[in-house]
């Protein structure tokens, strides 16, 4: 018998001073049995960074044809494709051909750095690709916020995030490894 996903609920309040965006989002997150708490929390971080009424959490790890998050327009075209981790070049190429904007949020410390050194030259040819890296110590700190039902306030200022849940505060500043040309 297959192990089912664990359902988490998050009431995410986003105050994004960089984009002048302020809203609350009720998120239902299905954490795949093979997904870690760190990765699940990074999906919430990615949601906060690109929050909008039309941004959706996808099946992610359990579906190879979907990203972790995406935003589609009314014609069902993919405006934004967000993946986590270190996908292979084939998946990135597919994403860049299907979506107007693609964001990779990498993590994993030295593993992510090794992946980046191997793929940096190949990824530079994509005009619509952004690669961000979440520092490992900050990713590990996100685990302190995990509960089955979470109330998280996220403030974003100059690319730095402060996530607050009760008395716990985690600061995270993704490093921009690649940004779109133009």
Protein backbone atom coordinates (compact mmCIF):
# COMPACT_ATOMS: atom_id res chain seq x y z
CA UNK A 1 0.00 0.00 0.00
CA UNK A 2 1.38 3.39 -1.00
CA UNK A 3 1.98 6.02 1.65
CA UNK A 4 -0.25 9.04 1.13
CA UNK A 5 0.80 12.68 1.18
CA UNK A 6 0.55 14.57 4.46
CA UNK A 7 -1.64 17.66 4.32
CA UNK A 8 -0.42 20.92 5.86
CA UNK A 9 -2.34 24.19 6.06
CA UNK A 10 -0.65 27.57 6.07
CA UNK A 11 -2.18 30.99 6.50
CA UNK A 12 0.51 33.08 4.80
CA UNK A 13 0.46 36.85 5.18
CA UNK A 14 2.80 38.49 2.69
CA UNK A 15 4.12 42.03 3.03
CA UNK A 16 6.38 42.45 0.02
CA UNK A 17 7.91 45.91 0.21
CA UNK A 18 9.90 45.28 -2.98
CA UNK A 19 6.76 44.76 -5.10
CA UNK A 20 4.34 46.80 -2.97
CA UNK A 21 2.23 43.63 -2.55
CA UNK A 22 0.26 42.93 0.65
CA UNK A 23 -2.13 39.99 0.91
CA UNK A 24 -3.11 36.88 2.84
CA UNK A 25 -3.15 33.44 1.25
CA UNK A 26 -4.69 30.25 2.62
CA UNK A 27 -2.43 27.46 1.37
CA UNK A 28 -3.10 23.73 1.43
CA UNK A 29 0.15 21.87 0.95
CA UNK A 30 0.29 18.17 0.16
CA UNK A 31 3.74 17.01 1.28
CA UNK A 32 4.80 13.97 -0.70
CA UNK A 33 6.18 11.13 1.50
CA UNK A 34 9.65 11.65 0.00
CA UNK A 35 9.59 15.43 0.51
CA UNK A 36 11.45 16.92 3.49
CA UNK A 37 10.18 19.67 5.79
CA UNK A 38 12.90 21.93 4.37
CA UNK A 39 11.70 21.46 0.81
CA UNK A 40 8.07 21.98 1.79
CA UNK A 41 8.97 25.22 3.57
CA UNK A 42 10.91 26.36 0.50
CA UNK A 43 7.72 25.96 -1.52
CA UNK A 44 6.12 28.41 0.92
CA UNK A 45 9.13 30.75 0.55
CA UNK A 46 8.82 30.58 -3.25
CA UNK A 47 5.11 31.30 -2.97
CA UNK A 48 5.83 34.36 -0.80
CA UNK A 49 8.51 35.66 -3.20
CA UNK A 50 6.16 35.52 -6.21
CA UNK A 51 2.78 35.73 -4.44
CA UNK A 52 -0.29 36.72 -6.38
CA UNK A 53 -3.92 35.65 -6.57
CA UNK A 54 -3.22 33.40 -9.55
CA UNK A 55 -0.07 31.65 -8.24
CA UNK A 56 -0.74 27.97 -7.57
CA UNK A 57 1.04 25.21 -5.70
CA UNK A 58 1.27 22.22 -8.04
CA UNK A 59 1.79 18.52 -7.51
CA UNK A 60 5.53 19.17 -7.76
CA UNK A 61 7.60 16.16 -6.75
CA UNK A 62 4.82 13.71 -7.62
CA UNK A 63 4.27 14.96 -11.21
CA UNK A 64 7.11 15.32 -13.70
CA UNK A 65 5.01 17.47 -16.07
CA UNK A 66 4.31 20.20 -13.52
CA UNK A 67 6.58 22.54 -11.59
CA UNK A 68 6.36 23.11 -7.85
CA UNK A 69 4.40 26.33 -8.45
CA UNK A 70 3.02 28.09 -11.49
CA UNK A 71 0.98 31.02 -12.67
CA UNK A 72 -1.18 30.63 -15.75
CA UNK A 73 -3.08 33.28 -17.70
CA UNK A 74 -6.71 33.05 -18.84
CA UNK A 75 -5.64 31.26 -22.04
CA UNK A 76 -4.03 28.53 -19.90
CA UNK A 77 -0.54 29.65 -20.94
CA UNK A 78 2.17 29.35 -18.31
CA UNK A 79 3.35 32.80 -17.26
CA UNK A 80 5.62 31.64 -14.41
CA UNK A 81 7.16 28.22 -13.76
CA UNK A 82 8.93 27.72 -10.40
CA UNK A 83 10.98 24.61 -9.64
CA UNK A 84 12.96 23.73 -6.51
CA UNK A 85 16.21 21.81 -6.28
CA UNK A 86 18.67 20.99 -9.02
CA UNK A 87 16.71 19.84 -12.08
CA UNK A 88 18.50 18.45 -15.11
CA UNK A 89 19.07 20.56 -18.21
CA UNK A 90 16.33 18.76 -20.16
CA UNK A 91 13.69 19.76 -17.59
CA UNK A 92 14.94 23.34 -17.52
CA UNK A 93 14.92 23.54 -21.34
CA UNK A 94 11.34 22.21 -21.34
CA UNK A 95 10.28 24.76 -18.72
CA UNK A 96 11.92 27.65 -20.58
CA UNK A 97 10.15 26.67 -23.80
CA UNK A 98 6.74 26.35 -22.11
CA UNK A 99 6.74 29.38 -19.78
CA UNK A 100 7.28 33.10 -20.20
CA UNK A 101 9.37 33.21 -16.99
CA UNK A 102 11.16 30.35 -15.19
CA UNK A 103 12.60 30.47 -11.67
CA UNK A 104 14.77 27.80 -10.08
CA UNK A 105 15.16 27.98 -6.31
CA UNK A 106 18.12 25.78 -5.48
CA UNK A 107 19.18 24.58 -2.05
CA UNK A 108 21.40 21.93 -0.56
CA UNK A 109 24.63 23.74 0.31
CA UNK A 110 27.66 22.24 -1.43
CA UNK A 111 25.47 19.91 -3.53
CA UNK A 112 23.74 22.95 -5.04
CA UNK A 113 27.08 24.68 -5.61
CA UNK A 114 28.48 21.63 -7.44
CA UNK A 115 25.30 21.43 -9.57
CA UNK A 116 25.63 25.13 -10.39
CA UNK A 117 29.29 24.83 -11.44
CA UNK A 118 28.36 21.96 -13.80
CA UNK A 119 25.33 23.67 -15.37
CA UNK A 120 26.04 27.41 -15.19
CA UNK A 121 27.39 27.67 -18.74
CA UNK A 122 24.51 25.68 -20.19
CA UNK A 123 21.83 27.72 -18.39
CA UNK A 124 23.18 31.11 -19.40
CA UNK A 125 21.63 30.73 -22.87
CA UNK A 126 18.04 30.92 -21.56
CA UNK A 127 16.67 34.48 -21.72
CA UNK A 128 13.76 33.81 -19.37
CA UNK A 129 15.53 31.96 -16.54
CA UNK A 130 16.28 33.13 -13.00
CA UNK A 131 18.31 30.94 -10.63
CA UNK A 132 18.22 31.67 -6.90
CA UNK A 133 20.05 29.77 -4.17
CA UNK A 134 18.84 29.53 -0.59
CA UNK A 135 21.79 29.28 1.84
CA UNK A 136 21.78 25.93 3.66
CA UNK A 137 21.88 27.28 7.24
CA UNK A 138 18.84 29.45 6.51
CA UNK A 139 16.99 26.53 4.89
CA UNK A 140 17.66 24.36 7.93
CA UNK A 141 16.27 27.10 10.20
CA UNK A 142 12.95 26.93 8.32
CA UNK A 143 12.22 23.56 9.95
CA UNK A 144 11.53 25.38 13.23
CA UNK A 145 8.38 26.86 11.65
CA UNK A 146 6.81 23.56 10.56
CA UNK A 147 3.46 22.59 12.05
CA UNK A 148 0.44 20.87 10.51
CA UNK A 149 -1.43 24.18 10.74
CA UNK A 150 0.81 27.23 10.35
CA UNK A 151 0.27 30.95 10.58
CA UNK A 152 3.21 32.65 8.93
CA UNK A 153 3.87 36.32 8.39
CA UNK A 154 6.42 37.01 5.67
CA UNK A 155 8.03 40.39 5.16
CA UNK A 156 10.19 40.91 2.08
CA UNK A 157 12.52 43.88 1.77
CA UNK A 158 15.43 44.21 -0.69
CA UNK A 159 15.26 40.49 -1.51
CA UNK A 160 15.52 39.43 2.14
CA UNK A 161 12.67 37.51 3.78
CA UNK A 162 11.66 37.42 7.43
CA UNK A 163 9.26 34.58 8.22
CA UNK A 164 7.53 34.77 11.58
CA UNK A 165 5.41 32.07 13.20
CA UNK A 166 4.49 32.86 16.80
CA UNK A 167 7.73 33.71 18.60
CA UNK A 168 9.95 32.08 15.96
CA UNK A 169 11.59 34.23 13.30
CA UNK A 170 13.67 32.94 10.39
CA UNK A 171 15.59 35.25 8.09
CA UNK A 172 16.40 34.08 4.58
CA UNK A 173 18.15 35.87 1.74
CA UNK A 174 18.28 33.94 -1.54
CA UNK A 175 21.41 34.57 -3.59
CA UNK A 176 20.80 35.41 -7.26
CA UNK A 177 23.01 33.14 -9.36
CA UNK A 178 21.42 33.99 -12.71
CA UNK A 179 18.93 36.55 -13.91
CA UNK A 180 17.21 36.98 -17.26
CA UNK A 181 18.98 39.05 -19.88
CA UNK A 182 17.41 42.24 -21.06
